[in-house]
Protein backbone atom coordinates (compact mmCIF):
# COMPACT_ATOMS: atom_id res chain seq x y z
CA UNK A 1 21.65 -39.97 -36.65
CA UNK A 2 21.69 -40.09 -32.89
CA UNK A 3 23.80 -36.93 -32.64
CA UNK A 4 21.45 -35.07 -35.01
CA UNK A 5 18.41 -36.13 -33.00
CA UNK A 6 20.10 -35.10 -29.77
CA UNK A 7 20.96 -31.71 -31.28
CA UNK A 8 17.36 -31.16 -32.31
CA UNK A 9 16.16 -31.98 -28.82
CA UNK A 10 18.66 -29.57 -27.28
CA UNK A 11 17.66 -26.77 -29.64
CA UNK A 12 13.95 -27.33 -28.98
CA UNK A 13 14.62 -27.39 -25.25
CA UNK A 14 16.49 -24.10 -25.49
CA UNK A 15 13.64 -22.56 -27.47
CA UNK A 16 11.24 -23.76 -24.81
CA UNK A 17 13.38 -22.16 -22.09
CA UNK A 18 13.58 -18.88 -23.99
CA UNK A 19 9.88 -18.73 -24.83
CA UNK A 20 8.70 -17.27 -21.46
CA UNK A 21 11.31 -14.51 -21.70
CA UNK A 22 10.31 -13.73 -25.28
CA UNK A 23 6.67 -13.47 -24.25
CA UNK A 24 7.63 -10.99 -21.52
CA UNK A 25 9.35 -8.63 -23.98
CA UNK A 26 6.18 -6.75 -25.16
CA UNK A 27 4.98 -6.20 -21.58
CA UNK A 28 8.50 -5.17 -20.54
CA UNK A 29 8.66 -2.58 -23.32
CA UNK A 30 5.31 -1.10 -22.28
CA UNK A 31 6.34 -0.94 -18.62
CA UNK A 32 9.63 0.73 -19.50
CA UNK A 33 7.88 3.25 -21.73
CA UNK A 34 5.40 4.15 -18.99
CA UNK A 35 7.67 4.17 -15.94
CA UNK A 36 11.27 4.58 -17.07
CA UNK A 37 10.93 8.03 -18.66
CA UNK A 38 9.16 9.67 -15.67
CA UNK A 39 11.66 8.11 -13.27
CA UNK A 40 14.62 9.36 -15.31
CA UNK A 41 13.09 12.85 -15.50
CA UNK A 42 12.46 12.79 -11.75
CA UNK A 43 16.06 11.78 -11.08
CA UNK A 44 17.39 14.52 -13.36
CA UNK A 45 15.13 17.12 -11.75
CA UNK A 46 16.32 16.13 -8.28
CA UNK A 47 19.85 17.26 -9.25
CA UNK A 48 18.66 20.64 -10.54
CA UNK A 49 17.36 23.91 -9.19
CA UNK A 50 13.89 23.61 -10.66
CA UNK A 51 11.38 26.19 -9.43
CA UNK A 52 8.58 28.33 -10.78
CA UNK A 53 10.91 30.10 -13.21
CA UNK A 54 11.89 26.78 -14.81
CA UNK A 55 8.22 25.80 -15.08
CA UNK A 56 7.68 28.86 -17.29
CA UNK A 57 10.67 28.16 -19.52
CA UNK A 58 13.82 29.29 -17.73
CA UNK A 59 16.71 26.82 -18.07
CA UNK A 60 17.35 24.75 -14.92
CA UNK A 61 20.66 24.97 -13.07
CA UNK A 62 22.59 21.84 -12.08
CA UNK A 63 23.23 21.85 -8.35
CA UNK A 64 23.81 18.08 -8.03
CA UNK A 65 23.47 16.84 -4.42
CA UNK A 66 22.40 20.16 -2.90
CA UNK A 67 18.70 19.24 -2.96
CA UNK A 68 19.43 15.96 -1.19
CA UNK A 69 21.53 17.73 1.44
CA UNK A 70 18.75 20.24 2.01
CA UNK A 71 16.24 17.44 2.47
CA UNK A 72 18.39 15.26 4.70
CA UNK A 73 19.32 18.19 6.95
CA UNK A 74 15.74 19.45 7.21
CA UNK A 75 14.17 18.49 10.54
CA UNK A 76 10.67 18.77 9.07
CA UNK A 77 11.44 16.00 6.58
CA UNK A 78 12.48 13.59 9.33
CA UNK A 79 9.40 14.44 11.39
CA UNK A 80 7.15 13.80 8.38
CA UNK A 81 9.01 10.59 7.50
CA UNK A 82 8.71 9.27 11.06
CA UNK A 83 5.03 10.19 11.12
CA UNK A 84 4.52 8.42 7.79
CA UNK A 85 6.26 5.24 8.99
CA UNK A 86 4.21 5.14 12.22
CA UNK A 87 0.99 5.82 10.33
CA UNK A 88 1.80 3.13 7.75
CA UNK A 89 2.60 0.54 10.43
CA UNK A 90 -0.71 1.15 12.22
CA UNK A 91 -2.63 0.87 8.95
CA UNK A 92 -0.75 -2.25 7.84
CA UNK A 93 -1.26 -4.08 11.14
CA UNK A 94 -4.95 -3.14 11.28
CA UNK A 95 -5.59 -4.01 7.64
CA UNK A 96 -3.74 -7.33 7.73
CA UNK A 97 -5.36 -8.45 10.99
CA UNK A 98 -8.92 -7.60 9.96
CA UNK A 99 -8.43 -8.86 6.40
CA UNK A 100 -7.18 -12.25 7.61
CA UNK A 101 -10.04 -12.53 10.12
CA UNK A 102 -12.63 -11.74 7.44
CA UNK A 103 -11.05 -14.27 5.06
CA UNK A 104 -11.21 -16.95 7.77
CA UNK A 105 -14.82 -15.98 8.45
CA UNK A 106 -15.70 -16.33 4.76
CA UNK A 107 -14.52 -19.95 4.81
CA UNK A 108 -17.12 -20.68 7.51
CA UNK A 109 -20.07 -18.90 5.89
CA UNK A 110 -22.65 -20.48 3.63
CA UNK A 111 -23.01 -19.40 0.02
CA UNK A 112 -25.61 -16.68 0.63
CA UNK A 113 -23.76 -14.88 3.42
CA UNK A 114 -20.47 -15.33 1.57
CA UNK A 115 -21.99 -13.60 -1.47
CA UNK A 116 -23.32 -10.79 0.72
CA UNK A 117 -19.93 -10.23 2.37
CA UNK A 118 -18.18 -10.34 -1.02
CA UNK A 119 -20.51 -7.69 -2.46
CA UNK A 120 -19.92 -5.44 0.54
CA UNK A 121 -16.16 -5.81 0.23
CA UNK A 122 -16.27 -5.12 -3.51
CA UNK A 123 -18.32 -1.94 -2.99
CA UNK A 124 -15.80 -0.66 -0.44
CA UNK A 125 -12.89 -1.61 -2.71
CA UNK A 126 -14.41 -0.05 -5.84
CA UNK A 127 -15.23 3.30 -4.24
CA UNK A 128 -12.79 6.06 -5.30
CA UNK A 129 -10.60 7.31 -2.42
CA UNK A 130 -11.87 10.90 -2.64
CA UNK A 131 -15.50 9.74 -2.60
CA UNK A 132 -14.84 7.49 0.38
CA UNK A 133 -13.12 10.34 2.21
CA UNK A 134 -16.06 12.67 1.58
CA UNK A 135 -18.56 10.08 2.85
CA UNK A 136 -16.54 9.37 5.98
CA UNK A 137 -16.01 13.11 6.44
CA UNK A 138 -19.79 13.52 6.60
CA UNK A 139 -20.00 10.74 9.19
CA UNK A 140 -17.34 12.43 11.35
CA UNK A 141 -18.68 15.96 10.75
CA UNK A 142 -18.45 18.27 13.76
CA UNK A 143 -22.03 19.57 13.73
CA UNK A 144 -24.16 17.02 11.90
CA UNK A 145 -22.04 13.86 11.85
CA UNK A 146 -23.60 10.50 12.67
CA UNK A 147 -20.60 9.44 14.78
CA UNK A 148 -20.92 12.40 17.15
CA UNK A 149 -24.69 11.93 17.36
CA UNK A 150 -24.42 8.24 18.25
CA UNK A 151 -21.62 8.76 20.78
CA UNK A 152 -23.40 11.64 22.52
CA UNK A 153 -27.01 10.41 22.29
CA UNK A 154 -26.75 6.64 22.56
CA UNK A 155 -23.67 6.31 24.78
CA UNK A 156 -23.97 9.63 26.63
CA UNK A 157 -20.40 10.69 25.86
CA UNK A 158 -19.43 14.40 25.56
CA UNK A 159 -18.98 14.37 21.78
CA UNK A 160 -21.55 17.01 20.82
CA UNK A 161 -19.81 19.39 18.41
CA UNK A 162 -16.57 17.45 18.70
CA UNK A 163 -14.06 18.17 15.92
CA UNK A 164 -12.26 14.99 14.84
CA UNK A 165 -9.85 16.68 12.45
CA UNK A 166 -8.48 19.54 14.53
CA UNK A 167 -6.25 17.29 16.67
CA UNK A 168 -3.53 15.24 14.92
CA UNK A 169 -4.27 12.05 16.86
CA UNK A 170 -7.99 12.01 16.06
CA UNK A 171 -7.19 13.18 12.51
CA UNK A 172 -5.06 10.10 11.91
CA UNK A 173 -7.69 7.93 13.59
CA UNK A 174 -10.21 9.06 10.96
CA UNK A 175 -7.62 8.60 8.20
CA UNK A 176 -6.86 5.09 9.47
CA UNK A 177 -10.56 4.19 9.43
CA UNK A 178 -10.89 5.36 5.81
CA UNK A 179 -7.71 3.73 4.51
CA UNK A 180 -8.24 0.47 6.39
CA UNK A 181 -11.86 0.30 5.24
CA UNK A 182 -10.74 0.46 1.60
CA UNK A 183 -7.69 -1.80 2.00
CA UNK A 184 -9.33 -4.71 3.82
CA UNK A 185 -11.15 -6.11 0.73
CA UNK A 186 -7.90 -6.71 -1.18
CA UNK A 187 -6.33 -8.51 1.77
CA UNK A 188 -9.49 -10.50 2.51
CA UNK A 189 -9.99 -11.69 -1.07
CA UNK A 190 -6.31 -12.57 -1.52
CA UNK A 191 -6.08 -14.49 1.75
CA UNK A 192 -9.38 -16.23 1.04
CA UNK A 193 -8.01 -17.37 -2.33
CA UNK A 194 -4.91 -18.67 -0.54
CA UNK A 195 -7.04 -20.53 2.01
CA UNK A 196 -8.81 -22.40 -0.77
CA UNK A 197 -5.45 -23.86 -1.85
CA UNK A 198 -4.75 -25.52 1.52
CA UNK A 199 -5.34 -29.30 1.07
CA UNK A 200 -8.34 -30.49 3.07
CA UNK A 201 -6.69 -33.88 3.57
CA UNK A 202 -3.88 -32.35 5.61
CA UNK A 203 -6.32 -30.31 7.71
CA UNK A 204 -8.46 -33.39 8.35
CA UNK A 205 -5.39 -35.43 9.30
CA UNK A 206 -4.27 -32.73 11.72
CA UNK A 207 -7.77 -32.62 13.23
CA UNK A 208 -7.76 -36.40 13.70
CA UNK A 209 -4.43 -36.09 15.48
CA UNK A 210 -6.15 -33.92 18.08
CA UNK A 211 -4.84 -30.49 17.07
CA UNK A 212 -6.88 -27.39 17.89
CA UNK A 213 -8.00 -24.80 15.32
CA UNK A 214 -5.23 -22.45 16.39
CA UNK A 215 -2.63 -25.20 16.03
CA UNK A 216 -3.97 -26.17 12.59
CA UNK A 217 -3.77 -22.56 11.46
CA UNK A 218 -0.27 -22.10 12.87
CA UNK A 219 1.34 -25.34 11.68
CA UNK A 220 -0.72 -26.25 8.58
CA UNK A 221 -2.50 -23.23 7.10
CA UNK A 222 0.07 -20.53 7.83
CA UNK A 223 2.98 -22.22 5.97
CA UNK A 224 0.81 -22.34 2.83
CA UNK A 225 -0.19 -18.70 3.30
CA UNK A 226 3.29 -17.37 4.13
CA UNK A 227 4.25 -16.34 0.55
CA UNK A 228 0.84 -14.69 0.05
CA UNK A 229 1.03 -12.85 3.36
CA UNK A 230 4.55 -11.65 2.61
CA UNK A 231 3.44 -10.17 -0.72
CA UNK A 232 0.43 -8.53 0.94
CA UNK A 233 2.61 -7.12 3.71
CA UNK A 234 5.09 -5.53 1.31
CA UNK A 235 2.32 -4.12 -0.89
CA UNK A 236 0.42 -2.68 2.06
CA UNK A 237 3.56 -1.01 3.43
CA UNK A 238 4.28 0.56 0.04
CA UNK A 239 0.69 1.71 -0.48
CA UNK A 240 0.29 3.11 3.03
CA UNK A 241 3.64 4.89 2.92
CA UNK A 242 2.68 6.82 -0.21
CA UNK A 243 -0.98 7.48 0.64
CA UNK A 244 -2.04 10.91 -0.61
CA UNK A 245 -5.70 11.60 -1.56
CA UNK A 246 -7.27 10.67 1.79
CA UNK A 247 -4.83 12.79 3.82
CA UNK A 248 -5.05 15.73 1.44
CA UNK A 249 -8.85 15.64 1.35
CA UNK A 250 -9.10 15.52 5.15
CA UNK A 251 -6.67 18.44 5.42
CA UNK A 252 -8.89 20.39 3.05
CA UNK A 253 -11.94 19.65 5.20
CA UNK A 254 -10.40 20.74 8.48
CA UNK A 255 -7.03 19.21 9.30
CA UNK A 256 -3.92 21.27 9.99
CA UNK A 257 -1.46 20.43 7.23
CA UNK A 258 1.70 21.24 9.17
CA UNK A 259 0.74 18.77 11.92
CA UNK A 260 -0.79 16.04 9.74
CA UNK A 261 1.42 15.86 6.66
CA UNK A 262 2.61 12.43 5.60
CA UNK A 263 5.24 11.95 2.92
CA UNK A 264 2.80 12.16 -0.02
CA UNK A 265 1.14 15.48 0.89
CA UNK A 266 4.52 16.79 2.04
CA UNK A 267 6.02 16.21 -1.42
CA UNK A 268 3.00 17.98 -2.93
CA UNK A 269 3.33 20.96 -0.58
CA UNK A 270 7.05 21.32 -1.31
CA UNK A 271 7.01 20.76 -5.08
CA UNK A 272 3.61 21.86 -6.43
CA UNK A 273 2.32 24.29 -3.81
CA UNK A 274 5.78 25.50 -2.79
CA UNK A 275 7.11 25.67 -6.33
CA UNK A 276 10.35 23.81 -5.59
CA UNK A 277 10.20 20.79 -7.88
CA UNK A 278 13.88 20.00 -7.42
CA UNK A 279 13.57 19.44 -3.68
CA UNK A 280 10.29 17.62 -4.19
CA UNK A 281 12.00 15.36 -6.72
CA UNK A 282 14.79 14.61 -4.23
CA UNK A 283 12.24 13.60 -1.59
CA UNK A 284 10.47 11.40 -4.14
CA UNK A 285 13.74 9.71 -5.13
CA UNK A 286 14.51 8.99 -1.46
CA UNK A 287 11.05 7.45 -1.12
CA UNK A 288 11.62 5.35 -4.25
CA UNK A 289 14.90 4.07 -2.78
CA UNK A 290 13.09 3.07 0.42
CA UNK A 291 10.43 1.25 -1.60
CA UNK A 292 13.07 -0.50 -3.69
CA UNK A 293 14.72 -1.67 -0.49
CA UNK A 294 11.43 -3.20 0.66
CA UNK A 295 10.93 -4.85 -2.72
CA UNK A 296 14.47 -6.23 -2.68
CA UNK A 297 13.83 -7.72 0.76
CA UNK A 298 10.68 -9.40 -0.57
CA UNK A 299 12.45 -10.81 -3.64
CA UNK A 300 15.37 -12.11 -1.55
CA UNK A 301 13.00 -13.75 0.94
CA UNK A 302 11.06 -15.37 -1.89
CA UNK A 303 14.22 -16.73 -3.51
CA UNK A 304 15.38 -18.16 -0.19
CA UNK A 305 12.05 -19.93 0.26
CA UNK A 306 12.24 -21.35 -3.28
CA UNK A 307 15.77 -22.63 -2.66
CA UNK A 308 14.72 -24.21 0.63
């Protein structure tokens, strides 16, 4: 009787352990159906000579690693990749810093101002990237932009008729403003949610011990926020590395594509505009590998924290 009861308990425990995995099966099937097929097709295309002729029905030719060799030996690719990494780092640092500051500010506001700030963040977050780029393009317009008018009229600076998009440095400044403006809400809301999970008792005890606000944030709040900040950091790097619509829209308005391409528009110019989908697929696969490396680093760091 005892052995039978013990066997029933073991079987029910095993069913309980398997239940979460069984519940994940439907979502896993949907994700595989949506992402696996395009990724496999992209990988196959990267090993083929796939140009305009193949788009119109000609059979592709297998050239295996030739596309990858062409990409990795192309100086333009490395220039664009370095530019993309630098641009992503600037955006990530700016977005994370401002998002954390706004989240900390929201914890100090009363309900009315907190609601007002939340609505403003939601409006910026909900605006489509192309729409946001058009609006900011009007603000930075050479002839009738508000930014030039304020800088020249109010501050007396020589910005009358200044073109923000013709120079790469000012072009990426405008792009950083647009991307950061739309990325801050996600960081601010996520960090604010993490701040609400920090126990008030521990903060009050640290305050009674004579710690300053900076010390409380560093030694009490930050350890609770570390997993959240790590996720945000990885996501922001991935999103800012593959940014496309803002850069492409600004290039259409007045930027020079050859001097302002990041990896997303560069893939588009090679594959769609240039008609070489094989090389474009190879670049995309290389980018996927880089992103997988970042994701693997995040997963390994998370597992180490769980084990500790």
